[in-house]
């Protein structure tokens, strides 16, 4: 996905807070920090392994009402 914008910079360009989270151990601290910013809009860019299944998901060509909630739905 080389064509995606830098979401942190994009958020900041509009006067919001942007956060990039790249490691699993950084998720909880980032969420705690975002909650402290109650008067600001926070955009969080979570980078994941492209081979991981991220739930919930919608298969290509399916409707949102056919969302998969976990591997048991495959």
PDB file of N, CA and C in Angstrom:
ATOM      1  N   UNK A   1       0.826  -1.175   0.000  1.00  0.00           N
ATOM      2  CA  UNK A   1       0.000   0.000   0.000  1.00  0.00           C
ATOM      3  C   UNK A   1       0.881   1.253   0.000  1.00  0.00           C
ATOM      4  N   UNK A   2       1.724   1.353  -0.984  1.00  0.00           N
ATOM      5  CA  UNK A   2       2.629   2.498  -1.068  1.00  0.00           C
ATOM      6  C   UNK A   2       1.905   3.795  -1.391  1.00  0.00           C
ATOM      7  N   UNK A   3       0.667   3.720  -1.863  1.00  0.00           N
ATOM      8  CA  UNK A   3      -0.047   4.919  -2.290  1.00  0.00           C
ATOM      9  C   UNK A   3      -0.827   5.588  -1.158  1.00  0.00           C
ATOM     10  N   UNK A   4      -0.812   5.035   0.030  1.00  0.00           N
ATOM     11  CA  UNK A   4      -1.555   5.633   1.138  1.00  0.00           C
ATOM     12  C   UNK A   4      -0.857   6.897   1.637  1.00  0.00           C
ATOM     13  N   UNK A   5      -1.637   7.884   2.065  1.00  0.00           N
ATOM     14  CA  UNK A   5      -1.020   9.107   2.599  1.00  0.00           C
ATOM     15  C   UNK A   5      -0.456   8.878   3.992  1.00  0.00           C
ATOM     16  N   UNK A   6       0.316   9.830   4.450  1.00  0.00           N
ATOM     17  CA  UNK A   6       0.795   9.832   5.828  1.00  0.00           C
ATOM     18  C   UNK A   6      -0.373  10.356   6.661  1.00  0.00           C
ATOM     19  N   UNK A   7      -1.106   9.450   7.307  1.00  0.00           N
ATOM     20  CA  UNK A   7      -2.315   9.836   8.025  1.00  0.00           C
ATOM     21  C   UNK A   7      -2.030  10.730   9.228  1.00  0.00           C
ATOM     22  N   UNK A   8      -0.871  10.583   9.830  1.00  0.00           N
ATOM     23  CA  UNK A   8      -0.501  11.444  10.960  1.00  0.00           C
ATOM     24  C   UNK A   8      -0.369  12.881  10.473  1.00  0.00           C
ATOM     25  N   UNK A   9       0.368  13.078   9.399  1.00  0.00           N
ATOM     26  CA  UNK A   9       0.542  14.428   8.859  1.00  0.00           C
ATOM     27  C   UNK A   9      -0.775  14.990   8.332  1.00  0.00           C
ATOM     28  N   UNK A  10      -1.589  14.134   7.746  1.00  0.00           N
ATOM     29  CA  UNK A  10      -2.884  14.576   7.240  1.00  0.00           C
ATOM     30  C   UNK A  10      -3.759  15.079   8.383  1.00  0.00           C
ATOM     31  N   UNK A  11      -3.817  14.324   9.465  1.00  0.00           N
ATOM     32  CA  UNK A  11      -4.597  14.744  10.636  1.00  0.00           C
ATOM     33  C   UNK A  11      -4.076  16.071  11.174  1.00  0.00           C
ATOM     34  N   UNK A  12      -2.762  16.170  11.278  1.00  0.00           N
ATOM     35  CA  UNK A  12      -2.165  17.400  11.812  1.00  0.00           C
ATOM     36  C   UNK A  12      -2.404  18.593  10.886  1.00  0.00           C
ATOM     37  N   UNK A  13      -2.441  18.346   9.581  1.00  0.00           N
ATOM     38  CA  UNK A  13      -2.694  19.437   8.629  1.00  0.00           C
ATOM     39  C   UNK A  13      -4.071  20.050   8.834  1.00  0.00           C
ATOM     40  N   UNK A  14      -4.994  19.271   9.362  1.00  0.00           N
ATOM     41  CA  UNK A  14      -6.345  19.769   9.639  1.00  0.00           C
ATOM     42  C   UNK A  14      -6.520  20.196  11.091  1.00  0.00           C
ATOM     43  N   UNK A  15      -5.414  20.274  11.826  1.00  0.00           N
ATOM     44  CA  UNK A  15      -5.468  20.754  13.202  1.00  0.00           C
ATOM     45  C   UNK A  15      -5.809  19.700  14.235  1.00  0.00           C
ATOM     46  N   UNK A  16      -5.731  18.439  13.851  1.00  0.00           N
ATOM     47  CA  UNK A  16      -6.038  17.347  14.771  1.00  0.00           C
ATOM     48  C   UNK A  16      -4.751  16.689  15.253  1.00  0.00           C
ATOM     49  N   UNK A  17      -4.887  15.679  16.072  1.00  0.00           N
ATOM     50  CA  UNK A  17      -3.744  14.910  16.555  1.00  0.00           C
ATOM     51  C   UNK A  17      -3.671  13.626  15.751  1.00  0.00           C
ATOM     52  N   UNK A  18      -2.482  13.307  15.258  1.00  0.00           N
ATOM     53  CA  UNK A  18      -2.266  12.050  14.551  1.00  0.00           C
ATOM     54  C   UNK A  18      -1.288  11.196  15.314  1.00  0.00           C
ATOM     55  N   UNK A  19      -1.574   9.902  15.420  1.00  0.00           N
ATOM     56  CA  UNK A  19      -0.681   8.981  16.128  1.00  0.00           C
ATOM     57  C   UNK A  19      -0.437   7.761  15.249  1.00  0.00           C
ATOM     58  N   UNK A  20       0.815   7.348  15.164  1.00  0.00           N
ATOM     59  CA  UNK A  20       1.196   6.143  14.426  1.00  0.00           C
ATOM     60  C   UNK A  20       1.566   5.071  15.435  1.00  0.00           C
ATOM     61  N   UNK A  21       0.893   3.930  15.363  1.00  0.00           N
ATOM     62  CA  UNK A  21       1.153   2.827  16.280  1.00  0.00           C
ATOM     63  C   UNK A  21       1.613   1.648  15.437  1.00  0.00           C
ATOM     64  N   UNK A  22       2.858   1.209  15.657  1.00  0.00           N
ATOM     65  CA  UNK A  22       3.445   0.163  14.822  1.00  0.00           C
ATOM     66  C   UNK A  22       3.701  -1.150  15.553  1.00  0.00           C
ATOM     67  N   UNK A  23       3.735  -1.129  16.876  1.00  0.00           N
ATOM     68  CA  UNK A  23       4.040  -2.350  17.624  1.00  0.00           C
ATOM     69  C   UNK A  23       2.887  -2.678  18.575  1.00  0.00           C
ATOM     70  N   UNK A  24       2.584  -3.962  18.743  1.00  0.00           N
ATOM     71  CA  UNK A  24       1.480  -4.342  19.641  1.00  0.00           C
ATOM     72  C   UNK A  24       1.625  -3.776  21.048  1.00  0.00           C
ATOM     73  N   UNK A  25       2.835  -3.699  21.545  1.00  0.00           N
ATOM     74  CA  UNK A  25       3.036  -3.203  22.914  1.00  0.00           C
ATOM     75  C   UNK A  25       2.794  -1.699  23.033  1.00  0.00           C
ATOM     76  N   UNK A  26       2.664  -1.011  21.913  1.00  0.00           N
ATOM     77  CA  UNK A  26       2.396   0.422  21.939  1.00  0.00           C
ATOM     78  C   UNK A  26       0.910   0.772  21.871  1.00  0.00           C
ATOM     79  N   UNK A  27       0.068  -0.240  21.664  1.00  0.00           N
ATOM     80  CA  UNK A  27      -1.365   0.024  21.507  1.00  0.00           C
ATOM     81  C   UNK A  27      -1.968   0.612  22.778  1.00  0.00           C
ATOM     82  N   UNK A  28      -1.773  -0.058  23.901  1.00  0.00           N
ATOM     83  CA  UNK A  28      -2.385   0.413  25.143  1.00  0.00           C
ATOM     84  C   UNK A  28      -1.894   1.800  25.554  1.00  0.00           C
ATOM     85  N   UNK A  29      -0.577   2.072  25.530  1.00  0.00           N
ATOM     86  CA  UNK A  29      -0.138   3.428  25.868  1.00  0.00           C
ATOM     87  C   UNK A  29      -0.698   4.490  24.916  1.00  0.00           C
ATOM     88  N   UNK A  30      -0.816   4.162  23.636  1.00  0.00           N
ATOM     89  CA  UNK A  30      -1.360   5.130  22.678  1.00  0.00           C
ATOM     90  C   UNK A  30      -2.832   5.406  22.968  1.00  0.00           C
ATOM     91  N   UNK A  31      -3.587   4.369  23.299  1.00  0.00           N
ATOM     92  CA  UNK A  31      -4.999   4.558  23.635  1.00  0.00           C
ATOM     93  C   UNK A  31      -5.147   5.395  24.899  1.00  0.00           C
ATOM     94  N   UNK A  32      -4.286   5.152  25.872  1.00  0.00           N
ATOM     95  CA  UNK A  32      -4.323   5.959  27.106  1.00  0.00           C
ATOM     96  C   UNK A  32      -4.027   7.430  26.807  1.00  0.00           C
ATOM     97  N   UNK A  33      -3.033   7.658  25.954  1.00  0.00           N
ATOM     98  CA  UNK A  33      -2.680   9.035  25.593  1.00  0.00           C
ATOM     99  C   UNK A  33      -3.823   9.706  24.842  1.00  0.00           C
ATOM    100  N   UNK A  34      -4.449   8.986  23.920  1.00  0.00           N
ATOM    101  CA  UNK A  34      -5.555   9.553  23.146  1.00  0.00           C
ATOM    102  C   UNK A  34      -6.731   9.918  24.052  1.00  0.00           C
ATOM    103  N   UNK A  35      -6.991   9.101  25.050  1.00  0.00           N
ATOM    104  CA  UNK A  35      -8.101   9.386  25.974  1.00  0.00           C
ATOM    105  C   UNK A  35      -7.852  10.649  26.788  1.00  0.00           C
ATOM    106  N   UNK A  36      -6.591  10.975  27.029  1.00  0.00           N
ATOM    107  CA  UNK A  36      -6.259  12.190  27.771  1.00  0.00           C
ATOM    108  C   UNK A  36      -6.582  13.446  26.963  1.00  0.00           C
ATOM    109  N   UNK A  37      -6.642  13.317  25.660  1.00  0.00           N
ATOM    110  CA  UNK A  37      -6.874  14.464  24.772  1.00  0.00           C
ATOM    111  C   UNK A  37      -8.362  14.624  24.491  1.00  0.00           C
ATOM    112  N   UNK A  38      -9.146  14.755  25.532  1.00  0.00           N
ATOM    113  CA  UNK A  38     -10.610  14.771  25.423  1.00  0.00           C
ATOM    114  C   UNK A  38     -11.151  15.903  24.570  1.00  0.00           C
ATOM    115  N   UNK A  39     -10.439  17.000  24.494  1.00  0.00           N
ATOM    116  CA  UNK A  39     -10.933  18.147  23.737  1.00  0.00           C
ATOM    117  C   UNK A  39     -10.384  18.191  22.310  1.00  0.00           C
ATOM    118  N   UNK A  40      -9.684  17.142  21.883  1.00  0.00           N
ATOM    119  CA  UNK A  40      -9.076  17.097  20.554  1.00  0.00           C
ATOM    120  C   UNK A  40      -9.594  15.878  19.787  1.00  0.00           C
ATOM    121  N   UNK A  41      -9.576  15.972  18.481  1.00  0.00           N
ATOM    122  CA  UNK A  41      -9.871  14.819  17.642  1.00  0.00           C
ATOM    123  C   UNK A  41      -8.554  14.094  17.379  1.00  0.00           C
ATOM    124  N   UNK A  42      -8.537  12.790  17.633  1.00  0.00           N
ATOM    125  CA  UNK A  42      -7.310  12.001  17.488  1.00  0.00           C
ATOM    126  C   UNK A  42      -7.528  10.938  16.417  1.00  0.00           C
ATOM    127  N   UNK A  43      -6.652  10.930  15.430  1.00  0.00           N
ATOM    128  CA  UNK A  43      -6.645   9.892  14.403  1.00  0.00           C
ATOM    129  C   UNK A  43      -5.494   8.952  14.700  1.00  0.00           C
ATOM    130  N   UNK A  44      -5.804   7.655  14.778  1.00  0.00           N
ATOM    131  CA  UNK A  44      -4.791   6.663  15.116  1.00  0.00           C
ATOM    132  C   UNK A  44      -4.573   5.746  13.919  1.00  0.00           C
ATOM    133  N   UNK A  45      -3.328   5.691  13.448  1.00  0.00           N
ATOM    134  CA  UNK A  45      -2.948   4.847  12.323  1.00  0.00           C
ATOM    135  C   UNK A  45      -2.257   3.608  12.893  1.00  0.00           C
ATOM    136  N   UNK A  46      -2.974   2.493  12.917  1.00  0.00           N
ATOM    137  CA  UNK A  46      -2.438   1.241  13.435  1.00  0.00           C
ATOM    138  C   UNK A  46      -1.850   0.442  12.279  1.00  0.00           C
ATOM    139  N   UNK A  47      -0.551   0.214  12.310  1.00  0.00           N
ATOM    140  CA  UNK A  47       0.109  -0.586  11.282  1.00  0.00           C
ATOM    141  C   UNK A  47       0.082  -2.044  11.728  1.00  0.00           C
ATOM    142  N   UNK A  48      -0.367  -2.901  10.841  1.00  0.00           N
ATOM    143  CA  UNK A  48      -0.444  -4.325  11.149  1.00  0.00           C
ATOM    144  C   UNK A  48       0.306  -5.119  10.099  1.00  0.00           C
ATOM    145  N   UNK A  49       0.645  -6.336  10.429  1.00  0.00           N
ATOM    146  CA  UNK A  49       1.269  -7.251   9.480  1.00  0.00           C
ATOM    147  C   UNK A  49       0.270  -7.493   8.359  1.00  0.00           C
ATOM    148  N   UNK A  50       0.651  -7.246   7.104  1.00  0.00           N
ATOM    149  CA  UNK A  50      -0.305  -7.403   6.001  1.00  0.00           C
ATOM    150  C   UNK A  50      -0.823  -8.824   5.819  1.00  0.00           C
ATOM    151  N   UNK A  51      -0.169  -9.805   6.446  1.00  0.00           N
ATOM    152  CA  UNK A  51      -0.639 -11.186   6.313  1.00  0.00           C
ATOM    153  C   UNK A  51      -1.614 -11.582   7.427  1.00  0.00           C
ATOM    154  N   UNK A  52      -1.798 -10.703   8.415  1.00  0.00           N
ATOM    155  CA  UNK A  52      -2.708 -10.994   9.533  1.00  0.00           C
ATOM    156  C   UNK A  52      -4.155 -10.757   9.140  1.00  0.00           C
ATOM    157  N   UNK A  53      -5.042 -11.566   9.672  1.00  0.00           N
ATOM    158  CA  UNK A  53      -6.473 -11.307   9.553  1.00  0.00           C
ATOM    159  C   UNK A  53      -6.858 -10.331  10.665  1.00  0.00           C
ATOM    160  N   UNK A  54      -7.499  -9.252  10.292  1.00  0.00           N
ATOM    161  CA  UNK A  54      -7.911  -8.235  11.259  1.00  0.00           C
ATOM    162  C   UNK A  54      -9.439  -8.252  11.312  1.00  0.00           C
ATOM    163  N   UNK A  55      -9.964  -8.497  12.482  1.00  0.00           N
ATOM    164  CA  UNK A  55     -11.415  -8.647  12.654  1.00  0.00           C
ATOM    165  C   UNK A  55     -12.026  -7.374  13.209  1.00  0.00           C
ATOM    166  N   UNK A  56     -13.250  -7.070  12.885  1.00  0.00           N
ATOM    167  CA  UNK A  56     -14.116  -7.741  11.918  1.00  0.00           C
ATOM    168  C   UNK A  56     -13.682  -7.412  10.489  1.00  0.00           C
ATOM    169  N   UNK A  57     -14.086  -8.267   9.537  1.00  0.00           N
ATOM    170  CA  UNK A  57     -13.773  -8.036   8.137  1.00  0.00           C
ATOM    171  C   UNK A  57     -14.969  -8.398   7.273  1.00  0.00           C
ATOM    172  N   UNK A  58     -14.986  -7.853   6.076  1.00  0.00           N
ATOM    173  CA  UNK A  58     -16.031  -8.144   5.100  1.00  0.00           C
ATOM    174  C   UNK A  58     -15.331  -8.693   3.863  1.00  0.00           C
ATOM    175  N   UNK A  59     -15.709  -9.885   3.444  1.00  0.00           N
ATOM    176  CA  UNK A  59     -15.110 -10.488   2.251  1.00  0.00           C
ATOM    177  C   UNK A  59     -15.435  -9.652   1.020  1.00  0.00           C
ATOM    178  N   UNK A  60     -14.531  -9.690   0.054  1.00  0.00           N
ATOM    179  CA  UNK A  60     -14.729  -8.952  -1.195  1.00  0.00           C
ATOM    180  C   UNK A  60     -16.054  -9.360  -1.830  1.00  0.00           C
ATOM    181  N   UNK A  61     -16.823  -8.372  -2.234  1.00  0.00           N
ATOM    182  CA  UNK A  61     -18.090  -8.621  -2.904  1.00  0.00           C
ATOM    183  C   UNK A  61     -19.259  -8.901  -1.974  1.00  0.00           C
ATOM    184  N   UNK A  62     -19.019  -8.938  -0.667  1.00  0.00           N
ATOM    185  CA  UNK A  62     -20.076  -9.211   0.305  1.00  0.00           C
ATOM    186  C   UNK A  62     -20.578  -7.906   0.906  1.00  0.00           C
ATOM    187  N   UNK A  63     -21.743  -7.963   1.482  1.00  0.00           N
ATOM    188  CA  UNK A  63     -22.325  -6.796   2.136  1.00  0.00           C
ATOM    189  C   UNK A  63     -21.889  -6.695   3.581  1.00  0.00           C
ATOM    190  N   UNK A  64     -22.066  -5.525   4.164  1.00  0.00           N
ATOM    191  CA  UNK A  64     -21.682  -5.285   5.558  1.00  0.00           C
ATOM    192  C   UNK A  64     -22.455  -6.192   6.515  1.00  0.00           C
ATOM    193  N   UNK A  65     -23.638  -6.624   6.103  1.00  0.00           N
ATOM    194  CA  UNK A  65     -24.423  -7.522   6.961  1.00  0.00           C
ATOM    195  C   UNK A  65     -23.842  -8.932   6.970  1.00  0.00           C
ATOM    196  N   UNK A  66     -22.867  -9.194   6.116  1.00  0.00           N
ATOM    197  CA  UNK A  66     -22.206 -10.510   6.079  1.00  0.00           C
ATOM    198  C   UNK A  66     -20.811 -10.438   6.697  1.00  0.00           C
ATOM    199  N   UNK A  67     -20.613  -9.502   7.598  1.00  0.00           N
ATOM    200  CA  UNK A  67     -19.326  -9.287   8.267  1.00  0.00           C
ATOM    201  C   UNK A  67     -18.898 -10.538   9.021  1.00  0.00           C
ATOM    202  N   UNK A  68     -17.603 -10.838   8.943  1.00  0.00           N
ATOM    203  CA  UNK A  68     -17.012 -11.940   9.702  1.00  0.00           C
ATOM    204  C   UNK A  68     -16.443 -11.363  10.989  1.00  0.00           C
ATOM    205  N   UNK A  69     -16.773 -11.978  12.108  1.00  0.00           N
ATOM    206  CA  UNK A  69     -16.346 -11.459  13.407  1.00  0.00           C
ATOM    207  C   UNK A  69     -15.116 -12.168  13.951  1.00  0.00           C
ATOM    208  N   UNK A  70     -14.777 -13.327  13.403  1.00  0.00           N
ATOM    209  CA  UNK A  70     -13.614 -14.075  13.861  1.00  0.00           C
ATOM    210  C   UNK A  70     -13.350 -15.257  12.960  1.00  0.00           C
ATOM    211  N   UNK A  71     -12.247 -15.959  13.196  1.00  0.00           N
ATOM    212  CA  UNK A  71     -11.850 -17.066  12.335  1.00  0.00           C
ATOM    213  C   UNK A  71     -12.892 -18.178  12.288  1.00  0.00           C
ATOM    214  N   UNK A  72     -13.727 -18.277  13.307  1.00  0.00           N
ATOM    215  CA  UNK A  72     -14.762 -19.322  13.320  1.00  0.00           C
ATOM    216  C   UNK A  72     -15.809 -19.075  12.217  1.00  0.00           C
ATOM    217  N   UNK A  73     -15.873 -17.867  11.689  1.00  0.00           N
ATOM    218  CA  UNK A  73     -16.832 -17.545  10.637  1.00  0.00           C
ATOM    219  C   UNK A  73     -16.319 -17.872   9.238  1.00  0.00           C
ATOM    220  N   UNK A  74     -15.040 -18.235   9.120  1.00  0.00           N
ATOM    221  CA  UNK A  74     -14.466 -18.515   7.794  1.00  0.00           C
ATOM    222  C   UNK A  74     -15.032 -19.760   7.175  1.00  0.00           C
TER     223      UNK A  74
END
